[in-house]
Each structure stands twice: as structure tokens, then as C-alpha cells.
Amino acid sequence: MSNSLSKAERTRQFIIEKTASVFNEKGYAGTSINDLTQATGLTKGSIYGNFENKDEVALAVFDYNHNKVTEFIKAKLLATENAVERLLVYPEVYRNYLKTPFLQPGCPILNTATEADDTHPLLKEKAANALAIWKKAVENQVKRGISRNEIKADTNPAEIAVILISLIEGAFMQAKVTGKTTELKIAMDYLAKMIRDLEC
């Protein structure tokens, strides 16, 4: 944490970091103020002195969790120039999610989307925006690959993005519910093969 942050900002950041895995694991409804005080070692008053309510903590935590996943994947994408190899980062990361501590409780978009119904419009909106950003990022990688003659010209970027996200999130959900990675591995192998088939 940077020293340029004020004490209040540092406390807010501390609360976000300490409660990030709690929200991602237990979900919004399943996380109580007691969970937050336990995770942070702070009093209820101290938490509410920095955040208006649990909603505000949840929204900040969603951004934090989502940014963590995005930055992790972005670093891996930028490690290679080839568009097909960049797309293969997705099945590789999610196949090995247990090796990535902040992904172990599950994908923050999936965890939030399954819970953020109309009773939590701001949380639902954040999940929808995160999904749109992910879809756009995949589409852009496919378009880039087409322009660099690395991906077949007749490939539909939107179609690839929808299928990639659906396979990852659907397989992730099965892994979470069953506690087994069998289906996840099958789906990620299939996704990797689908991506390799896009190559020129």
C-alpha cells in the first residue's frame, strides 16, 4: 500500500483486501457484518465509519476482485504476441484456478451474477459491465488475430467471445457445485481445441 494514501483510504483498502475472499466465497447475502469484523479484526463501528453499509463494501470488493483477475489475465496475454496463444491463456488460467489463490473461491463475475438479482441492482450492473468488458476483450483479440492473419478471416469474434465465456463460466459453476475439476478440465480441453482450430 502506498504511503500517499490518507489513513482513511488505507483503512478502506485494508477492509476491501481482507473481506475480498469472504464475499467471493460466501456471496453477498451469505456475508454478515460479523464475517467482516472477523476478517478485518475491526469493530462494526470502524467498518461503518469507512463504508456506509454492507452494500458499499460489497461494491468496492467486487471491483477489487474483478480487477485482480483482469490484471492477472492481462499480464499473461501480454506475455505473447500471437492471437491464438493469447486466447489459449483463458482455458489455461481457468483450468488451473486452484493454483491461483484469488480464483479459488470462484470467478467473481459468476459468483456475483448468480446472486445479484433485482434486489441488488448496483451489484447486478457491476457484474453485467464486467461481463461486457470481458466479451469486448475477447472479441478484440479475435479481430486482432484476423488482421494479423493468425486467425481465419471468416471467424465471428462475437460468437467466439460468447462461447468462450459460456464454457468457462458453465464449467466453473460445475466445479464449484461438485467440488471436482473433472468437468472443468473437459470443458477447458474442448475450449483449447476450439481456439487452436481458429488458426490460419
Protein backbone atom coordinates (compact mmCIF):
# COMPACT_ATOMS: atom_id res chain seq x y z
CA MET A 1 0.00 0.00 0.00
CA SER A 2 1.27 3.44 -0.92
CA ASN A 3 2.14 5.93 1.80
CA SER A 4 0.48 8.70 -0.23
CA LEU A 5 -2.92 7.34 0.86
CA SER A 6 -4.61 9.00 3.81
CA LYS A 7 -5.29 6.98 6.96
CA ALA A 8 -8.98 6.69 6.00
CA GLU A 9 -8.09 5.49 2.48
CA ARG A 10 -5.63 2.96 3.91
CA THR A 11 -8.31 1.65 6.28
CA ARG A 12 -10.83 1.37 3.42
CA GLN A 13 -8.26 -0.51 1.31
CA PHE A 14 -7.46 -2.79 4.27
CA ILE A 15 -11.18 -3.61 4.71
CA ILE A 16 -11.56 -4.32 0.98
CA GLU A 17 -8.50 -6.58 0.83
CA LYS A 18 -9.37 -8.51 3.99
CA THR A 19 -13.03 -9.09 3.03
CA ALA A 20 -12.49 -9.78 -0.70
CA SER A 21 -12.22 -13.56 -0.36
CA VAL A 22 -15.08 -13.66 2.18
CA PHE A 23 -17.54 -12.02 -0.23
CA ASN A 24 -16.30 -14.11 -3.16
CA GLU A 25 -16.67 -17.33 -1.16
CA LYS A 26 -19.86 -16.69 0.83
CA GLY A 27 -21.58 -14.36 -1.59
CA TYR A 28 -23.27 -11.08 -0.80
CA ALA A 29 -26.24 -12.46 1.12
CA GLY A 30 -24.14 -15.04 2.95
CA THR A 31 -21.65 -12.48 4.23
CA SER A 32 -22.61 -10.91 7.54
CA ILE A 33 -21.20 -7.90 9.35
CA ASN A 34 -19.72 -10.42 11.83
CA ASP A 35 -17.82 -12.03 8.93
CA LEU A 36 -16.43 -8.60 8.08
CA THR A 37 -15.36 -7.85 11.65
CA GLN A 38 -13.75 -11.31 11.92
CA ALA A 39 -11.87 -10.95 8.63
CA THR A 40 -10.56 -7.48 9.45
CA GLY A 41 -10.22 -7.60 13.23
CA LEU A 42 -12.02 -4.24 13.25
CA THR A 43 -15.17 -3.27 15.11
CA LYS A 44 -18.54 -2.87 13.42
CA GLY A 45 -18.28 0.89 14.09
CA SER A 46 -14.89 1.06 12.41
CA ILE A 47 -16.20 -0.68 9.28
CA TYR A 48 -19.29 1.53 9.13
CA GLY A 49 -17.11 4.54 9.80
CA ASN A 50 -15.43 3.84 6.46
CA PHE A 51 -18.35 2.43 4.48
CA GLU A 52 -21.97 3.50 4.61
CA ASN A 53 -23.26 -0.08 4.68
CA LYS A 54 -22.57 -3.65 3.62
CA ASP A 55 -23.66 -2.79 0.05
CA GLU A 56 -20.90 -0.24 -0.26
CA VAL A 57 -18.28 -2.74 0.96
CA ALA A 58 -19.63 -5.37 -1.48
CA LEU A 59 -19.44 -2.98 -4.46
CA ALA A 60 -15.86 -1.97 -3.61
CA VAL A 61 -14.90 -5.63 -3.11
CA PHE A 62 -16.41 -6.63 -6.46
CA ASP A 63 -14.22 -4.02 -8.20
CA TYR A 64 -11.18 -5.22 -6.26
CA ASN A 65 -11.77 -8.92 -7.06
CA HIS A 66 -12.59 -8.23 -10.69
CA ASN A 67 -9.50 -6.02 -11.18
CA LYS A 68 -7.29 -8.68 -9.62
CA VAL A 69 -8.48 -11.33 -12.10
CA THR A 70 -8.32 -8.88 -15.04
CA GLU A 71 -4.75 -7.76 -14.23
CA PHE A 72 -3.61 -11.37 -13.77
CA ILE A 73 -5.01 -12.43 -17.17
CA LYS A 74 -3.84 -9.23 -18.90
CA ALA A 75 -0.23 -9.88 -17.79
CA LYS A 76 -0.41 -13.39 -19.25
CA LEU A 77 -1.99 -12.13 -22.51
CA LEU A 78 0.73 -9.52 -22.98
CA ALA A 79 3.45 -12.15 -22.49
CA THR A 80 2.81 -13.35 -26.05
CA GLU A 81 2.15 -11.60 -29.35
CA ASN A 82 0.30 -14.41 -31.12
CA ALA A 83 -3.50 -14.05 -31.03
CA VAL A 84 -4.22 -17.80 -30.75
CA GLU A 85 -1.74 -18.14 -27.87
CA ARG A 86 -3.37 -15.14 -26.19
CA LEU A 87 -6.81 -16.77 -26.41
CA LEU A 88 -5.34 -20.01 -25.02
CA VAL A 89 -4.49 -18.09 -21.84
CA TYR A 90 -8.18 -18.27 -20.83
CA PRO A 91 -8.59 -22.08 -20.71
CA GLU A 92 -5.11 -22.36 -19.17
CA VAL A 93 -5.84 -19.91 -16.32
CA TYR A 94 -9.26 -21.34 -15.51
CA ARG A 95 -8.14 -24.97 -15.80
CA ASN A 96 -5.54 -24.23 -13.11
CA TYR A 97 -7.68 -21.95 -10.99
CA LEU A 98 -6.85 -23.84 -7.78
CA LYS A 99 -3.23 -22.71 -8.17
CA THR A 100 -4.37 -19.08 -8.20
CA PRO A 101 -5.34 -18.08 -4.62
CA PHE A 102 -7.78 -15.29 -5.54
CA LEU A 103 -9.61 -17.55 -8.03
CA GLN A 104 -10.04 -20.44 -5.57
CA PRO A 105 -13.38 -19.17 -4.19
CA GLY A 106 -14.60 -18.91 -7.80
CA CYS A 107 -14.93 -16.33 -10.52
CA PRO A 108 -16.14 -13.01 -9.06
CA ILE A 109 -18.35 -12.32 -12.11
CA LEU A 110 -20.07 -15.72 -11.86
CA ASN A 111 -20.38 -15.55 -8.08
CA THR A 112 -21.90 -12.09 -8.25
CA ALA A 113 -24.08 -12.70 -11.32
CA THR A 114 -25.77 -15.76 -9.81
CA GLU A 115 -26.67 -13.76 -6.74
CA ALA A 116 -27.11 -10.17 -7.94
CA ASP A 117 -30.74 -10.23 -8.97
CA ASP A 118 -33.07 -7.25 -8.97
CA THR A 119 -32.73 -6.89 -5.19
CA HIS A 120 -29.14 -5.68 -5.75
CA PRO A 121 -29.32 -3.53 -8.91
CA LEU A 122 -25.88 -1.91 -8.43
CA LEU A 123 -24.16 -5.26 -7.92
CA LYS A 124 -26.05 -6.69 -10.90
CA GLU A 125 -24.95 -3.70 -13.01
CA LYS A 126 -21.30 -4.21 -11.98
CA ALA A 127 -21.45 -7.90 -12.96
CA ALA A 128 -23.09 -7.01 -16.31
CA ASN A 129 -20.43 -4.37 -17.04
CA ALA A 130 -17.62 -6.77 -16.14
CA LEU A 131 -19.12 -9.36 -18.48
CA ALA A 132 -19.38 -6.79 -21.30
CA ILE A 133 -15.72 -5.77 -20.81
CA TRP A 134 -14.62 -9.42 -20.90
CA LYS A 135 -16.67 -10.09 -24.07
CA LYS A 136 -15.21 -6.99 -25.76
CA ALA A 137 -11.65 -8.01 -24.77
CA VAL A 138 -12.07 -11.48 -26.33
CA GLU A 139 -13.66 -10.01 -29.46
CA ASN A 140 -10.74 -7.59 -29.81
CA GLN A 141 -8.21 -10.42 -29.50
CA VAL A 142 -10.04 -12.33 -32.27
CA LYS A 143 -10.22 -9.22 -34.52
CA ARG A 144 -6.52 -8.58 -33.89
CA GLY A 145 -5.76 -12.19 -34.85
CA ILE A 146 -7.75 -11.88 -38.08
CA SER A 147 -5.95 -8.65 -39.06
CA ARG A 148 -2.56 -10.30 -38.33
CA ASN A 149 -3.51 -13.40 -40.40
CA GLU A 150 -3.19 -15.60 -37.31
CA ILE A 151 -6.92 -16.40 -37.11
CA LYS A 152 -9.15 -17.48 -40.02
CA ALA A 153 -10.80 -14.50 -41.72
CA ASP A 154 -14.33 -15.97 -41.52
CA THR A 155 -14.21 -16.26 -37.70
CA ASN A 156 -17.04 -14.44 -35.92
CA PRO A 157 -15.48 -12.53 -32.96
CA ALA A 158 -18.77 -12.09 -31.05
CA GLU A 159 -19.60 -15.79 -31.41
CA ILE A 160 -16.17 -16.87 -30.11
CA ALA A 161 -16.46 -14.47 -27.14
CA VAL A 162 -19.92 -15.76 -26.14
CA ILE A 163 -18.90 -19.44 -26.43
CA LEU A 164 -15.59 -18.90 -24.58
CA ILE A 165 -17.26 -17.11 -21.66
CA SER A 166 -20.15 -19.60 -21.54
CA LEU A 167 -17.80 -22.60 -21.47
CA ILE A 168 -15.62 -21.07 -18.75
CA GLU A 169 -18.45 -19.90 -16.51
CA GLY A 170 -20.57 -23.03 -17.00
CA ALA A 171 -17.62 -25.31 -16.24
CA PHE A 172 -16.58 -23.15 -13.29
CA MET A 173 -20.10 -23.40 -11.86
CA GLN A 174 -19.99 -27.21 -12.12
CA ALA A 175 -16.58 -27.31 -10.42
CA LYS A 176 -17.84 -25.12 -7.59
CA VAL A 177 -21.02 -27.13 -7.03
CA THR A 178 -19.39 -30.58 -7.23
CA GLY A 179 -16.04 -29.69 -5.67
CA LYS A 180 -14.42 -31.59 -8.56
CA THR A 181 -12.46 -30.23 -11.51
CA THR A 182 -13.28 -33.10 -13.92
CA GLU A 183 -15.91 -31.19 -15.92
CA LEU A 184 -13.81 -28.04 -15.84
CA LYS A 185 -10.83 -29.87 -17.37
CA ILE A 186 -13.03 -31.46 -20.06
CA ALA A 187 -14.54 -28.07 -20.96
CA MET A 188 -11.15 -26.30 -20.98
CA ASP A 189 -9.64 -29.01 -23.22
CA TYR A 190 -12.57 -28.55 -25.59
CA LEU A 191 -12.16 -24.75 -25.50
CA ALA A 192 -8.41 -25.02 -26.17
CA LYS A 193 -9.10 -27.28 -29.17
CA MET A 194 -11.76 -24.84 -30.45
CA ILE A 195 -9.25 -21.97 -30.18
CA ARG A 196 -6.47 -23.91 -31.95
CA ASP A 197 -8.92 -24.67 -34.78
CA LEU A 198 -9.22 -20.90 -35.41
CA GLU A 199 -5.58 -20.74 -36.51
CA CYS A 200 -4.88 -19.92 -40.16
